[in-house]
Amino acid sequence: MQAMIQFPDLSPEIFSISIGGMEFALRWYALAYITGIVIAWRLAVAALKRPALWPNQTPPMRPEQVEDLLTWIILGVILGGRLGFVLFYQPSYYLSNPTQILKVWEGGMAFHGGLIGVVVASWLYAARHNIDKLAMADLVAHTVAGGLLLGRLSNFVNAELWGRATTLPWGVAFPGHAAQDCSQAVGELCARHPSQLYEALLEGLVLGAVLLWLVYRRGAFQKPGLVLGTFLAGYGAARFIVEFVRQPDAHFISPGNPLGLAWQIDGFGITQGQMLSLPMIILGLYFVQRARTKTESLA
């Protein structure tokens, strides 16, 4: 019999209350967003309070400005994440049902869209307050991994975004008809890669540790663009790798494309997540090389 892990008895809701006949619930995913924002806020403030981390011992902004910046970033995450999901993953559906775009509470957020939203919001805030844009990008980039870690753990608790079917002993039997509808089921259950946990490890824990090490042990803020580039390349590479075992969205799968590849030639290709991650890797490597080149030229 195939070894597998039964999905634990977890609820997406932490608690719920009924007020006036209406049900209000606090979900793990919402708590992950809130906690991730708090972690990012505290990390940013801590870094700004240490002038020695920055070129010429001059932080790009005052610690008290972080709360104002967070308001812009939260809007960027929500608007960018939602529009990214609409445009990158289900454009035809939402063009036919435009009122569904506003129903964020029903799910449907894309990290790459959220990232674009954060970039736009941060750039606008920096331009408005005359803050060095690359220094701000480094500041924001080193705070993000904690939220990614918690977000992916919440995906696991929600039993969503699971991976492809697997016979590996750590495969998880996720609940629900969609998760159990696979050709590799052994007996009555289908085990799948817990790809949410893979991403939590790589995008959250490992990448976050590398970024903090670069900032506090290697003086990375002294090389503008290095932290930003490391984050972009690191996240892009982690996501690209995990996509090999992550189940693509159902609308990408067809009888002639069982792997759900967004671009393919004779059965070989890449998924939509990989297509969106490639520009991140390229842009990240550009910023890393740029930071190193500029530092060497000033040495």
Protein backbone atom coordinates (compact mmCIF):
# COMPACT_ATOMS: atom_id res chain seq x y z
CA MET A 1 0.00 0.00 0.00
CA GLN A 2 1.28 3.47 -0.87
CA ALA A 3 2.48 5.54 2.09
CA MET A 4 0.85 8.94 2.31
CA ILE A 5 -0.13 11.59 4.83
CA GLN A 6 -3.78 12.18 5.58
CA PHE A 7 -4.69 15.85 5.47
CA PRO A 8 -5.14 17.00 9.08
CA ASP A 9 -8.48 18.14 10.42
CA LEU A 10 -7.94 21.87 9.83
CA SER A 11 -10.49 24.58 9.25
CA PRO A 12 -9.82 27.66 7.11
CA GLU A 13 -11.61 29.67 9.81
CA ILE A 14 -10.03 30.48 13.17
CA PHE A 15 -13.40 31.47 14.59
CA SER A 16 -16.71 32.87 13.42
CA ILE A 17 -19.47 34.89 15.04
CA SER A 18 -23.05 35.61 14.05
CA ILE A 19 -24.33 39.18 14.31
CA GLY A 20 -27.84 40.06 13.23
CA GLY A 21 -28.17 36.92 11.18
CA MET A 22 -24.88 37.57 9.35
CA GLU A 23 -21.83 35.37 9.76
CA PHE A 24 -18.42 36.97 10.27
CA ALA A 25 -15.28 34.83 10.28
CA LEU A 26 -11.56 35.35 10.82
CA ARG A 27 -9.68 33.12 8.40
CA TRP A 28 -6.09 31.93 8.58
CA TYR A 29 -5.40 33.55 5.22
CA ALA A 30 -6.54 36.96 6.49
CA LEU A 31 -4.45 36.52 9.64
CA ALA A 32 -1.44 35.65 7.46
CA TYR A 33 -1.85 38.93 5.56
CA ILE A 34 -2.16 40.91 8.79
CA THR A 35 0.79 39.22 10.49
CA GLY A 36 2.93 39.49 7.35
CA ILE A 37 2.27 43.23 7.19
CA VAL A 38 3.19 43.65 10.86
CA ILE A 39 6.42 41.68 10.36
CA ALA A 40 7.31 43.79 7.31
CA TRP A 41 6.55 46.99 9.23
CA ARG A 42 8.80 46.05 12.16
CA LEU A 43 11.65 44.87 9.94
CA ALA A 44 11.54 48.10 7.93
CA VAL A 45 11.52 50.28 11.04
CA ALA A 46 14.38 48.29 12.59
CA ALA A 47 16.51 48.69 9.44
CA LEU A 48 15.83 52.43 9.20
CA LYS A 49 16.90 52.89 12.82
CA ARG A 50 20.36 51.55 11.98
CA PRO A 51 22.10 54.22 9.87
CA ALA A 52 25.26 52.09 9.63
CA LEU A 53 23.41 49.73 7.27
CA TRP A 54 22.98 52.46 4.64
CA PRO A 55 25.32 54.31 2.24
CA ASN A 56 26.84 57.36 3.93
CA GLN A 57 24.98 56.25 7.10
CA THR A 58 21.84 57.88 5.69
CA PRO A 59 18.62 55.83 5.62
CA PRO A 60 16.37 56.65 2.65
CA MET A 61 13.40 57.65 4.82
CA ARG A 62 12.35 58.23 8.43
CA PRO A 63 11.05 55.28 10.49
CA GLU A 64 7.74 57.07 11.12
CA GLN A 65 7.09 57.18 7.36
CA VAL A 66 6.82 53.39 7.17
CA GLU A 67 3.20 53.34 8.38
CA ASP A 68 2.22 55.76 5.63
CA LEU A 69 4.09 53.68 3.05
CA LEU A 70 2.33 50.52 4.25
CA THR A 71 -1.05 52.02 3.42
CA TRP A 72 0.07 52.49 -0.17
CA ILE A 73 1.57 49.00 -0.31
CA ILE A 74 -1.57 47.32 1.07
CA LEU A 75 -3.62 48.97 -1.67
CA GLY A 76 -1.02 47.87 -4.21
CA VAL A 77 -1.13 44.27 -2.99
CA ILE A 78 -4.94 44.06 -3.10
CA LEU A 79 -5.47 45.83 -6.42
CA GLY A 80 -2.43 44.32 -8.12
CA GLY A 81 -3.04 40.82 -6.78
CA ARG A 82 -6.64 40.80 -7.90
CA LEU A 83 -6.05 42.35 -11.32
CA GLY A 84 -3.07 40.06 -11.82
CA PHE A 85 -5.26 37.00 -11.22
CA VAL A 86 -7.90 38.36 -13.59
CA LEU A 87 -5.45 39.18 -16.41
CA PHE A 88 -2.89 36.38 -16.00
CA TYR A 89 -5.09 33.40 -15.20
CA GLN A 90 -8.76 33.85 -16.20
CA PRO A 91 -9.08 36.90 -18.51
CA SER A 92 -11.84 35.45 -20.71
CA TYR A 93 -14.04 34.53 -17.74
CA TYR A 94 -13.78 37.95 -16.09
CA LEU A 95 -14.24 39.81 -19.37
CA SER A 96 -17.52 37.93 -19.71
CA ASN A 97 -18.39 38.49 -16.03
CA PRO A 98 -16.86 41.87 -15.08
CA THR A 99 -18.88 42.20 -11.86
CA GLN A 100 -17.03 39.14 -10.52
CA ILE A 101 -13.77 41.10 -10.52
CA LEU A 102 -14.86 42.99 -7.40
CA LYS A 103 -15.63 39.83 -5.41
CA VAL A 104 -12.19 39.51 -3.83
CA TRP A 105 -13.67 37.69 -0.83
CA GLU A 106 -14.42 34.70 -3.06
CA GLY A 107 -10.68 34.18 -3.68
CA GLY A 108 -8.39 34.74 -6.63
CA MET A 109 -5.15 36.65 -5.99
CA ALA A 110 -1.91 36.38 -7.97
CA PHE A 111 1.49 36.97 -6.39
CA HIS A 112 3.02 38.38 -9.57
CA GLY A 113 0.16 40.87 -9.87
CA GLY A 114 0.53 41.81 -6.21
CA LEU A 115 4.25 42.36 -6.78
CA ILE A 116 3.54 44.73 -9.65
CA GLY A 117 1.05 46.53 -7.42
CA VAL A 118 3.67 46.93 -4.67
CA VAL A 119 6.24 48.24 -7.17
CA VAL A 120 3.81 50.83 -8.55
CA ALA A 121 2.62 51.91 -5.08
CA SER A 122 6.20 52.18 -3.72
CA TRP A 123 7.38 54.09 -6.79
CA LEU A 124 4.52 56.59 -6.48
CA TYR A 125 5.17 57.06 -2.76
CA ALA A 126 8.91 57.52 -3.33
CA ALA A 127 8.30 60.04 -6.11
CA ARG A 128 5.83 61.98 -3.98
CA HIS A 129 8.22 62.20 -1.00
CA ASN A 130 11.49 62.51 -2.95
CA ILE A 131 12.88 59.19 -1.66
CA ASP A 132 15.55 57.21 -3.49
CA LYS A 133 13.54 54.56 -5.34
CA LEU A 134 16.21 51.84 -5.42
CA ALA A 135 16.95 52.20 -1.71
CA MET A 136 13.24 51.96 -0.95
CA ALA A 137 12.96 48.88 -3.16
CA ASP A 138 15.77 47.23 -1.19
CA LEU A 139 14.07 48.16 2.07
CA VAL A 140 10.72 46.70 1.02
CA ALA A 141 12.23 43.58 -0.59
CA HIS A 142 13.98 42.44 2.60
CA THR A 143 10.69 42.45 4.54
CA VAL A 144 8.45 40.36 2.27
CA ALA A 145 9.51 36.76 2.92
CA GLY A 146 7.74 36.44 6.28
CA GLY A 147 4.40 37.21 4.65
CA LEU A 148 5.12 34.71 1.87
CA LEU A 149 5.87 32.01 4.42
CA LEU A 150 2.62 32.61 6.30
CA GLY A 151 0.62 32.93 3.09
CA ARG A 152 1.79 29.56 1.78
CA LEU A 153 1.09 27.90 5.13
CA SER A 154 -2.42 29.35 4.91
CA ASN A 155 -2.77 27.87 1.42
CA PHE A 156 -2.00 24.49 2.99
CA VAL A 157 -4.53 24.98 5.79
CA ASN A 158 -7.11 25.97 3.15
CA ALA A 159 -6.29 22.78 1.20
CA GLU A 160 -5.75 24.82 -1.98
CA LEU A 161 -2.98 25.21 -4.59
CA TRP A 162 -1.83 21.65 -3.98
CA GLY A 163 0.61 19.83 -6.23
CA ARG A 164 0.47 17.09 -8.81
CA ALA A 165 -0.24 13.49 -7.90
CA THR A 166 2.74 11.66 -6.38
CA THR A 167 3.69 8.28 -4.96
CA LEU A 168 6.30 9.79 -2.60
CA PRO A 169 5.74 8.92 1.07
CA TRP A 170 5.19 12.56 2.06
CA GLY A 171 2.37 12.99 -0.46
CA VAL A 172 -0.76 14.43 1.16
CA ALA A 173 -4.32 13.22 0.55
CA PHE A 174 -6.04 16.61 0.30
CA PRO A 175 -9.84 16.71 0.70
CA GLY A 176 -12.28 17.63 -2.02
CA HIS A 177 -13.35 16.17 -5.35
CA ALA A 178 -10.82 18.20 -7.39
CA ALA A 179 -7.88 17.07 -5.25
CA GLN A 180 -9.02 13.46 -5.35
CA ASP A 181 -9.67 13.42 -9.11
CA CYS A 182 -6.40 12.02 -10.44
CA SER A 183 -5.23 9.00 -12.39
CA GLN A 184 -2.56 8.02 -9.85
CA ALA A 185 -4.89 7.26 -6.96
CA VAL A 186 -3.94 4.17 -4.99
CA GLY A 187 -6.97 2.47 -3.54
CA GLU A 188 -9.53 5.16 -2.77
CA LEU A 189 -7.19 8.11 -2.17
CA CYS A 190 -4.97 10.31 -4.31
CA ALA A 191 -1.78 11.70 -2.72
CA ARG A 192 -0.42 15.00 -3.99
CA HIS A 193 2.74 17.03 -3.52
CA PRO A 194 2.26 19.53 -0.66
CA SER A 195 3.58 22.23 -2.97
CA GLN A 196 2.37 24.95 -0.60
CA LEU A 197 4.88 23.70 1.98
CA TYR A 198 7.66 23.54 -0.62
CA GLU A 199 6.98 27.19 -1.45
CA ALA A 200 6.75 28.16 2.21
CA LEU A 201 10.21 26.66 2.73
CA LEU A 202 11.89 28.12 -0.36
CA GLU A 203 10.11 31.46 -0.87
CA GLY A 204 9.63 32.18 2.81
CA LEU A 205 12.11 30.57 5.16
CA VAL A 206 15.17 30.10 2.95
CA LEU A 207 14.84 33.31 0.92
CA GLY A 208 14.00 35.33 4.05
CA ALA A 209 17.07 34.00 5.87
CA VAL A 210 19.31 34.82 2.89
CA LEU A 211 17.96 38.38 2.65
CA LEU A 212 18.42 39.08 6.37
CA TRP A 213 21.92 37.60 6.24
CA LEU A 214 22.82 39.86 3.31
CA VAL A 215 21.46 42.94 5.06
CA TYR A 216 22.85 42.42 8.55
CA ARG A 217 26.00 40.41 7.88
CA ARG A 218 27.10 41.43 4.40
CA GLY A 219 26.08 45.11 4.31
CA ALA A 220 23.84 44.59 1.28
CA PHE A 221 22.08 47.97 1.64
CA GLN A 222 25.45 49.54 0.85
CA LYS A 223 25.09 48.11 -2.65
CA PRO A 224 21.82 49.58 -4.00
CA GLY A 225 19.76 47.03 -5.88
CA LEU A 226 21.46 43.94 -4.43
CA VAL A 227 18.65 43.07 -2.00
CA LEU A 228 15.97 43.78 -4.60
CA GLY A 229 17.77 41.66 -7.19
CA THR A 230 18.31 38.78 -4.76
CA PHE A 231 14.63 38.79 -3.82
CA LEU A 232 13.41 38.87 -7.43
CA ALA A 233 15.80 36.17 -8.64
CA GLY A 234 15.35 34.07 -5.49
CA TYR A 235 11.57 34.11 -5.56
CA GLY A 236 11.46 33.59 -9.32
CA ALA A 237 13.80 30.58 -9.12
CA ALA A 238 11.92 29.04 -6.17
CA ARG A 239 8.56 29.44 -7.89
CA PHE A 240 9.93 28.13 -11.21
CA ILE A 241 11.23 24.97 -9.51
CA VAL A 242 8.08 24.24 -7.49
CA GLU A 243 5.92 24.72 -10.60
CA PHE A 244 7.24 21.37 -11.86
CA VAL A 245 5.22 19.62 -9.15
CA ARG A 246 2.41 22.15 -8.61
CA GLN A 247 -0.99 21.44 -10.12
CA PRO A 248 -1.89 24.19 -12.61
CA ASP A 249 -5.26 25.91 -12.62
CA ALA A 250 -7.98 23.70 -14.11
CA HIS A 251 -8.67 25.99 -17.05
CA PHE A 252 -5.14 25.40 -18.39
CA ILE A 253 -5.69 21.62 -18.54
CA SER A 254 -7.19 19.95 -21.58
CA PRO A 255 -7.11 16.47 -23.15
CA GLY A 256 -4.21 17.55 -25.35
CA ASN A 257 -2.46 19.39 -22.51
CA PRO A 258 -2.75 17.25 -19.35
CA LEU A 259 0.13 19.08 -17.64
CA GLY A 260 -1.59 22.45 -17.99
CA LEU A 261 1.31 24.08 -19.82
CA ALA A 262 0.71 27.70 -20.84
CA TRP A 263 3.27 27.47 -23.63
CA GLN A 264 4.40 24.23 -25.23
CA ILE A 265 5.90 22.58 -28.30
CA ASP A 266 5.30 18.85 -28.78
CA GLY A 267 4.43 18.35 -25.12
CA PHE A 268 7.43 20.27 -23.75
CA GLY A 269 6.90 23.70 -22.29
CA ILE A 270 6.34 25.80 -19.20
CA THR A 271 3.42 26.70 -16.97
CA GLN A 272 1.88 30.13 -16.53
CA GLY A 273 3.64 30.48 -13.17
CA GLN A 274 6.98 29.72 -14.80
CA MET A 275 6.32 32.18 -17.61
CA LEU A 276 5.65 34.92 -15.04
CA SER A 277 8.70 33.94 -12.98
CA LEU A 278 11.23 34.07 -15.82
CA PRO A 279 11.15 37.90 -16.11
CA MET A 280 11.65 38.08 -12.33
CA ILE A 281 14.76 35.91 -12.53
CA ILE A 282 16.22 37.92 -15.43
CA LEU A 283 15.45 41.28 -13.83
CA GLY A 284 16.76 40.09 -10.47
CA LEU A 285 20.07 38.94 -11.96
CA TYR A 286 20.34 42.29 -13.74
CA PHE A 287 19.99 44.21 -10.46
CA VAL A 288 22.48 41.91 -8.69
CA GLN A 289 25.05 42.37 -11.45
CA ARG A 290 24.38 46.11 -11.57
CA ALA A 291 24.93 46.43 -7.81
CA ARG A 292 28.18 44.49 -7.99
CA THR A 293 29.46 46.44 -10.99
CA LYS A 294 28.70 49.82 -9.46
CA THR A 295 30.31 48.82 -6.16
CA GLU A 296 33.47 47.64 -7.92
CA SER A 297 33.68 50.85 -9.93
CA LEU A 298 33.55 52.89 -6.71
CA ALA A 299 36.16 50.75 -4.95
